[in-house]
């Protein structure tokens, strides 16, 4: 009988990010991580989209520990047990977990931001599938009680527009000038809608423009959690702090990925 701890390796270290940092999204994401207060935060929920496996619900990890290049992060088994009891979650295999990058990309940042209180820290990774609007509402309602707790921090993993023929998305409004200007306008329209914290407006924006925001479902879950808390009078505001593009598209052969960093404050 073995009591070996099940660990998820930092499988994208050295490829998606190097020892010296993140070449694309790093400087942008840092604006959000700067907002973290490690003296208050004790538990970090990380909601990331599923890129590789079809998933119609949300999934929990099979691991107990997530390794990072800095130090190991412990999964909060108490919260996991409570979430599992709801019957709303699947369990992802360790292979699925290690193949997926959306949660892992945030682990070194989380570890660095929380370094001064690492012994008191636990994480709650949640892989979010292609949810229907009603499922986004159900998960938002479920997670809202955790969002209300000031010792919990929620991290939502998402890029913004993936533009170019390799992404099968080439929306372009010529009236706005060069392609990268059109992309920025489209992204900032979506960012402005997220700042209103209205899940239905964000859903309608996606239906109209089909912007390739990979974390649209994690964002939808967060917006629905916010809506649930607002019913009880909790005041919140969201603001974006930074926006960047991996490159500036000027012709149809170009491609780019957009990044945005923002923070939700619960008063």
Protein backbone atom coordinates (compact mmCIF):
# COMPACT_ATOMS: atom_id res chain seq x y z
CA UNK A 1 0.00 0.00 0.00
CA UNK A 2 1.57 3.31 -1.07
CA UNK A 3 0.91 6.75 0.41
CA UNK A 4 2.80 8.56 -2.32
CA UNK A 5 1.55 12.10 -2.97
CA UNK A 6 0.12 12.52 -6.47
CA UNK A 7 1.96 15.44 -8.09
CA UNK A 8 1.28 17.30 -11.29
CA UNK A 9 4.58 18.17 -12.93
CA UNK A 10 5.28 21.64 -14.32
CA UNK A 11 4.98 20.11 -17.79
CA UNK A 12 5.17 23.37 -19.79
CA UNK A 13 8.21 24.77 -17.98
CA UNK A 14 11.05 25.28 -20.42
CA UNK A 15 8.74 25.45 -23.43
CA UNK A 16 5.70 27.68 -22.83
CA UNK A 17 7.73 29.71 -20.35
CA UNK A 18 11.47 29.79 -19.69
CA UNK A 19 13.62 30.17 -16.59
CA UNK A 20 13.87 33.90 -17.27
CA UNK A 21 10.16 34.57 -17.77
CA UNK A 22 7.23 34.80 -20.18
CA UNK A 23 8.06 36.28 -23.57
CA UNK A 24 4.50 37.12 -24.65
CA UNK A 25 1.89 37.53 -21.93
CA UNK A 26 4.21 38.11 -18.94
CA UNK A 27 4.44 41.88 -18.76
CA UNK A 28 0.68 42.21 -19.25
CA UNK A 29 -0.31 39.61 -16.63
CA UNK A 30 2.01 41.17 -14.06
CA UNK A 31 -0.35 44.16 -13.82
CA UNK A 32 -3.01 41.87 -12.37
CA UNK A 33 -0.69 39.95 -10.05
CA UNK A 34 0.55 43.21 -8.58
CA UNK A 35 -2.93 43.64 -7.04
CA UNK A 36 -2.58 40.55 -4.81
CA UNK A 37 -2.23 41.09 -1.06
CA UNK A 38 -0.44 37.97 0.29
CA UNK A 39 -1.24 38.92 3.88
CA UNK A 40 -4.98 38.47 3.19
CA UNK A 41 -5.08 35.69 0.57
CA UNK A 42 -5.04 32.10 1.84
CA UNK A 43 -6.68 30.17 -0.99
CA UNK A 44 -6.38 30.71 -4.74
CA UNK A 45 -9.03 29.42 -7.15
CA UNK A 46 -7.70 29.12 -10.71
CA UNK A 47 -10.31 28.69 -13.47
CA UNK A 48 -8.86 27.77 -16.84
CA UNK A 49 -10.43 26.68 -20.15
CA UNK A 50 -10.00 23.17 -21.57
CA UNK A 51 -8.01 23.34 -24.82
CA UNK A 52 -7.46 19.64 -25.54
CA UNK A 53 -10.30 17.48 -24.25
CA UNK A 54 -14.03 17.89 -24.92
CA UNK A 55 -15.65 18.83 -21.65
CA UNK A 56 -19.25 19.96 -21.12
CA UNK A 57 -18.90 20.51 -17.37
CA UNK A 58 -16.08 21.52 -15.03
CA UNK A 59 -13.36 19.16 -13.85
CA UNK A 60 -11.18 18.83 -10.74
CA UNK A 61 -7.60 17.60 -10.70
CA UNK A 62 -6.55 14.09 -9.69
CA UNK A 63 -3.37 15.52 -8.18
CA UNK A 64 -2.76 16.68 -4.61
CA UNK A 65 0.20 18.92 -5.39
CA UNK A 66 1.04 21.15 -8.37
CA UNK A 67 4.77 21.56 -8.89
CA UNK A 68 6.18 24.93 -10.02
CA UNK A 69 9.75 26.07 -10.72
CA UNK A 70 9.57 27.98 -7.40
CA UNK A 71 7.90 25.66 -4.90
CA UNK A 72 5.07 23.13 -4.71
CA UNK A 73 1.46 24.31 -4.40
CA UNK A 74 -0.94 22.21 -2.33
CA UNK A 75 -4.49 21.61 -3.57
CA UNK A 76 -7.15 22.37 -0.95
CA UNK A 77 -8.65 18.90 -0.45
CA UNK A 78 -11.37 20.21 1.88
CA UNK A 79 -12.78 22.56 -0.77
CA UNK A 80 -12.30 19.86 -3.42
CA UNK A 81 -14.37 17.44 -1.31
CA UNK A 82 -17.17 20.02 -0.97
CA UNK A 83 -17.18 20.70 -4.72
CA UNK A 84 -17.12 16.98 -5.54
CA UNK A 85 -20.15 16.36 -3.31
CA UNK A 86 -22.27 18.65 -5.50
CA UNK A 87 -22.14 16.12 -8.35
CA UNK A 88 -21.39 18.95 -10.80
CA UNK A 89 -17.74 18.08 -11.41
CA UNK A 90 -15.78 15.48 -13.34
CA UNK A 91 -12.31 14.28 -12.39
CA UNK A 92 -9.61 14.94 -15.00
CA UNK A 93 -6.80 12.42 -15.42
CA UNK A 94 -3.25 13.42 -14.54
CA UNK A 95 -2.41 13.18 -18.27
CA UNK A 96 -5.19 15.63 -19.20
CA UNK A 97 -4.05 17.91 -16.39
CA UNK A 98 -0.41 17.93 -17.53
CA UNK A 99 -1.35 18.38 -21.21
CA UNK A 100 -3.38 21.51 -20.41
CA UNK A 101 -1.52 24.83 -20.10
CA UNK A 102 -4.30 27.23 -19.08
CA UNK A 103 -3.99 26.67 -15.32
CA UNK A 104 -0.25 25.97 -15.21
CA UNK A 105 0.63 29.31 -16.81
CA UNK A 106 -0.63 31.03 -13.67
CA UNK A 107 1.18 28.87 -11.11
CA UNK A 108 4.63 30.55 -11.15
CA UNK A 109 2.94 33.97 -10.81
CA UNK A 110 0.79 32.70 -7.94
CA UNK A 111 3.80 31.15 -6.21
CA UNK A 112 5.86 34.34 -6.59
CA UNK A 113 3.06 36.69 -5.47
CA UNK A 114 2.34 34.51 -2.41
CA UNK A 115 5.96 33.66 -1.53
CA UNK A 116 5.90 35.49 1.81
CA UNK A 117 2.91 33.38 2.99
CA UNK A 118 3.53 30.15 1.07
CA UNK A 119 3.07 27.89 4.09
CA UNK A 120 -0.51 29.11 4.58
CA UNK A 121 -1.45 28.87 0.89
CA UNK A 122 -3.62 26.32 -0.91
CA UNK A 123 -4.98 26.29 -4.46
CA UNK A 124 -8.25 25.16 -6.06
CA UNK A 125 -7.66 24.44 -9.78
CA UNK A 126 -10.82 24.06 -11.88
CA UNK A 127 -10.80 23.11 -15.57
CA UNK A 128 -13.80 24.73 -17.27
CA UNK A 129 -15.45 23.05 -20.24
CA UNK A 130 -17.63 24.43 -23.05
CA UNK A 131 -20.50 25.40 -20.79
CA UNK A 132 -24.02 26.37 -21.80
CA UNK A 133 -25.37 29.66 -20.47
CA UNK A 134 -27.39 27.81 -17.82
CA UNK A 135 -24.32 25.86 -16.69
CA UNK A 136 -22.32 29.07 -16.41
CA UNK A 137 -25.09 30.32 -14.12
CA UNK A 138 -25.07 27.14 -12.01
CA UNK A 139 -21.30 27.14 -11.53
CA UNK A 140 -21.32 30.89 -10.85
CA UNK A 141 -23.94 30.44 -8.15
CA UNK A 142 -21.99 27.56 -6.60
CA UNK A 143 -18.69 29.47 -6.53
CA UNK A 144 -20.20 32.78 -5.40
CA UNK A 145 -19.96 31.85 -1.71
CA UNK A 146 -16.22 31.32 -2.12
CA UNK A 147 -15.87 34.61 -4.01
CA UNK A 148 -17.56 36.38 -1.07
CA UNK A 149 -14.76 35.27 1.27
CA UNK A 150 -11.97 37.87 1.31
CA UNK A 151 -9.32 35.20 2.01
CA UNK A 152 -10.11 33.61 -1.39
CA UNK A 153 -8.55 34.93 -4.60
CA UNK A 154 -9.98 34.03 -8.02
CA UNK A 155 -7.71 33.87 -11.07
CA UNK A 156 -9.41 33.57 -14.46
CA UNK A 157 -7.17 32.27 -17.24
CA UNK A 158 -7.81 33.65 -20.71
CA UNK A 159 -6.22 35.24 -23.72
CA UNK A 160 -8.23 37.64 -25.88
CA UNK A 161 -8.48 37.65 -29.68
CA UNK A 162 -6.62 34.93 -31.59
CA UNK A 163 -6.51 36.54 -35.04
CA UNK A 164 -5.32 35.06 -38.32
CA UNK A 165 -5.94 32.27 -40.77
CA UNK A 166 -4.22 29.74 -38.49
CA UNK A 167 -6.88 30.52 -35.86
CA UNK A 168 -9.68 30.56 -38.47
CA UNK A 169 -10.68 34.03 -37.32
CA UNK A 170 -10.15 37.09 -39.52
CA UNK A 171 -12.82 39.61 -38.48
CA UNK A 172 -11.74 43.03 -39.78
CA UNK A 173 -13.47 46.39 -39.70
CA UNK A 174 -11.64 48.37 -42.40
CA UNK A 175 -13.09 51.65 -41.13
CA UNK A 176 -10.76 51.39 -38.11
CA UNK A 177 -7.55 51.41 -40.16
CA UNK A 178 -4.95 48.66 -39.93
CA UNK A 179 -5.94 45.17 -38.87
CA UNK A 180 -4.35 45.42 -35.42
CA UNK A 181 -6.46 48.54 -34.73
CA UNK A 182 -9.62 46.59 -35.59
CA UNK A 183 -8.53 43.76 -33.28
CA UNK A 184 -7.85 46.20 -30.45
CA UNK A 185 -11.25 47.85 -30.92
CA UNK A 186 -12.99 44.48 -30.87
CA UNK A 187 -11.11 43.35 -27.76
CA UNK A 188 -11.68 46.61 -25.90
CA UNK A 189 -15.39 46.44 -26.72
CA UNK A 190 -15.46 43.04 -24.99
CA UNK A 191 -13.33 44.34 -22.10
CA UNK A 192 -15.73 47.23 -21.60
CA UNK A 193 -18.64 44.79 -21.44
CA UNK A 194 -16.81 42.62 -18.88
CA UNK A 195 -16.28 45.76 -16.77
CA UNK A 196 -20.07 46.19 -16.59
CA UNK A 197 -20.16 42.74 -14.89
CA UNK A 198 -23.26 41.74 -16.86
CA UNK A 199 -23.03 38.09 -18.01
CA UNK A 200 -25.81 38.39 -20.60
CA UNK A 201 -24.16 41.34 -22.33
CA UNK A 202 -20.90 39.37 -22.57
CA UNK A 203 -22.76 36.34 -24.00
CA UNK A 204 -24.47 38.56 -26.59
CA UNK A 205 -21.12 40.14 -27.55
CA UNK A 206 -19.63 36.68 -28.17
CA UNK A 207 -22.66 35.60 -30.22
CA UNK A 208 -22.41 38.72 -32.38
CA UNK A 209 -18.65 38.90 -33.01
CA UNK A 210 -17.45 35.34 -32.18
CA UNK A 211 -14.27 36.83 -30.75
CA UNK A 212 -11.82 33.99 -30.07
CA UNK A 213 -11.47 34.59 -26.33
CA UNK A 214 -10.31 31.17 -25.11
CA UNK A 215 -11.40 31.74 -21.50
CA UNK A 216 -14.89 32.91 -22.37
CA UNK A 217 -16.51 30.21 -20.21
CA UNK A 218 -14.36 30.84 -17.10
CA UNK A 219 -15.13 34.56 -17.57
CA UNK A 220 -18.84 33.69 -17.86
CA UNK A 221 -18.68 31.69 -14.62
CA UNK A 222 -17.05 34.62 -12.81
CA UNK A 223 -19.62 37.12 -14.14
CA UNK A 224 -22.43 34.86 -12.95
CA UNK A 225 -20.82 34.50 -9.51
CA UNK A 226 -20.66 38.30 -9.33
CA UNK A 227 -24.34 38.56 -10.35
CA UNK A 228 -25.28 36.18 -7.56
CA UNK A 229 -23.41 38.22 -4.94
CA UNK A 230 -24.86 41.48 -6.22
CA UNK A 231 -28.34 40.18 -5.40
CA UNK A 232 -27.42 40.35 -1.72
CA UNK A 233 -26.08 43.89 -2.05
CA UNK A 234 -22.36 43.14 -2.31
CA UNK A 235 -20.60 45.93 -4.18
CA UNK A 236 -17.95 45.03 -6.76
CA UNK A 237 -16.15 46.68 -9.60
CA UNK A 238 -13.91 45.32 -12.33
CA UNK A 239 -11.31 47.27 -14.25
CA UNK A 240 -8.79 46.29 -16.88
CA UNK A 241 -5.25 47.42 -16.13
CA UNK A 242 -3.32 46.52 -19.27
CA UNK A 243 -3.74 45.33 -22.87
CA UNK A 244 -1.18 43.97 -25.33
CA UNK A 245 -0.87 42.06 -28.60
CA UNK A 246 1.82 39.47 -29.42
CA UNK A 247 2.41 41.30 -32.73
CA UNK A 248 0.68 43.95 -34.85
CA UNK A 249 -1.24 42.44 -37.77
CA UNK A 250 -1.13 44.43 -40.99
CA UNK A 251 -1.97 41.86 -43.66
CA UNK A 252 -3.88 38.61 -44.10
CA UNK A 253 -0.78 36.45 -43.65
CA UNK A 254 -0.16 37.86 -40.17
CA UNK A 255 -1.47 36.44 -36.89
CA UNK A 256 -1.56 37.58 -33.29
CA UNK A 257 -2.87 36.80 -29.83
CA UNK A 258 -4.17 39.54 -27.55
CA UNK A 259 -3.67 39.71 -23.79
CA UNK A 260 -5.55 41.67 -21.14
CA UNK A 261 -5.05 41.93 -17.39
CA UNK A 262 -7.75 43.13 -15.03
CA UNK A 263 -8.82 42.99 -11.39
CA UNK A 264 -12.15 42.50 -9.65
CA UNK A 265 -12.48 44.28 -6.32
CA UNK A 266 -15.11 43.21 -3.80
CA UNK A 267 -16.01 45.99 -1.35
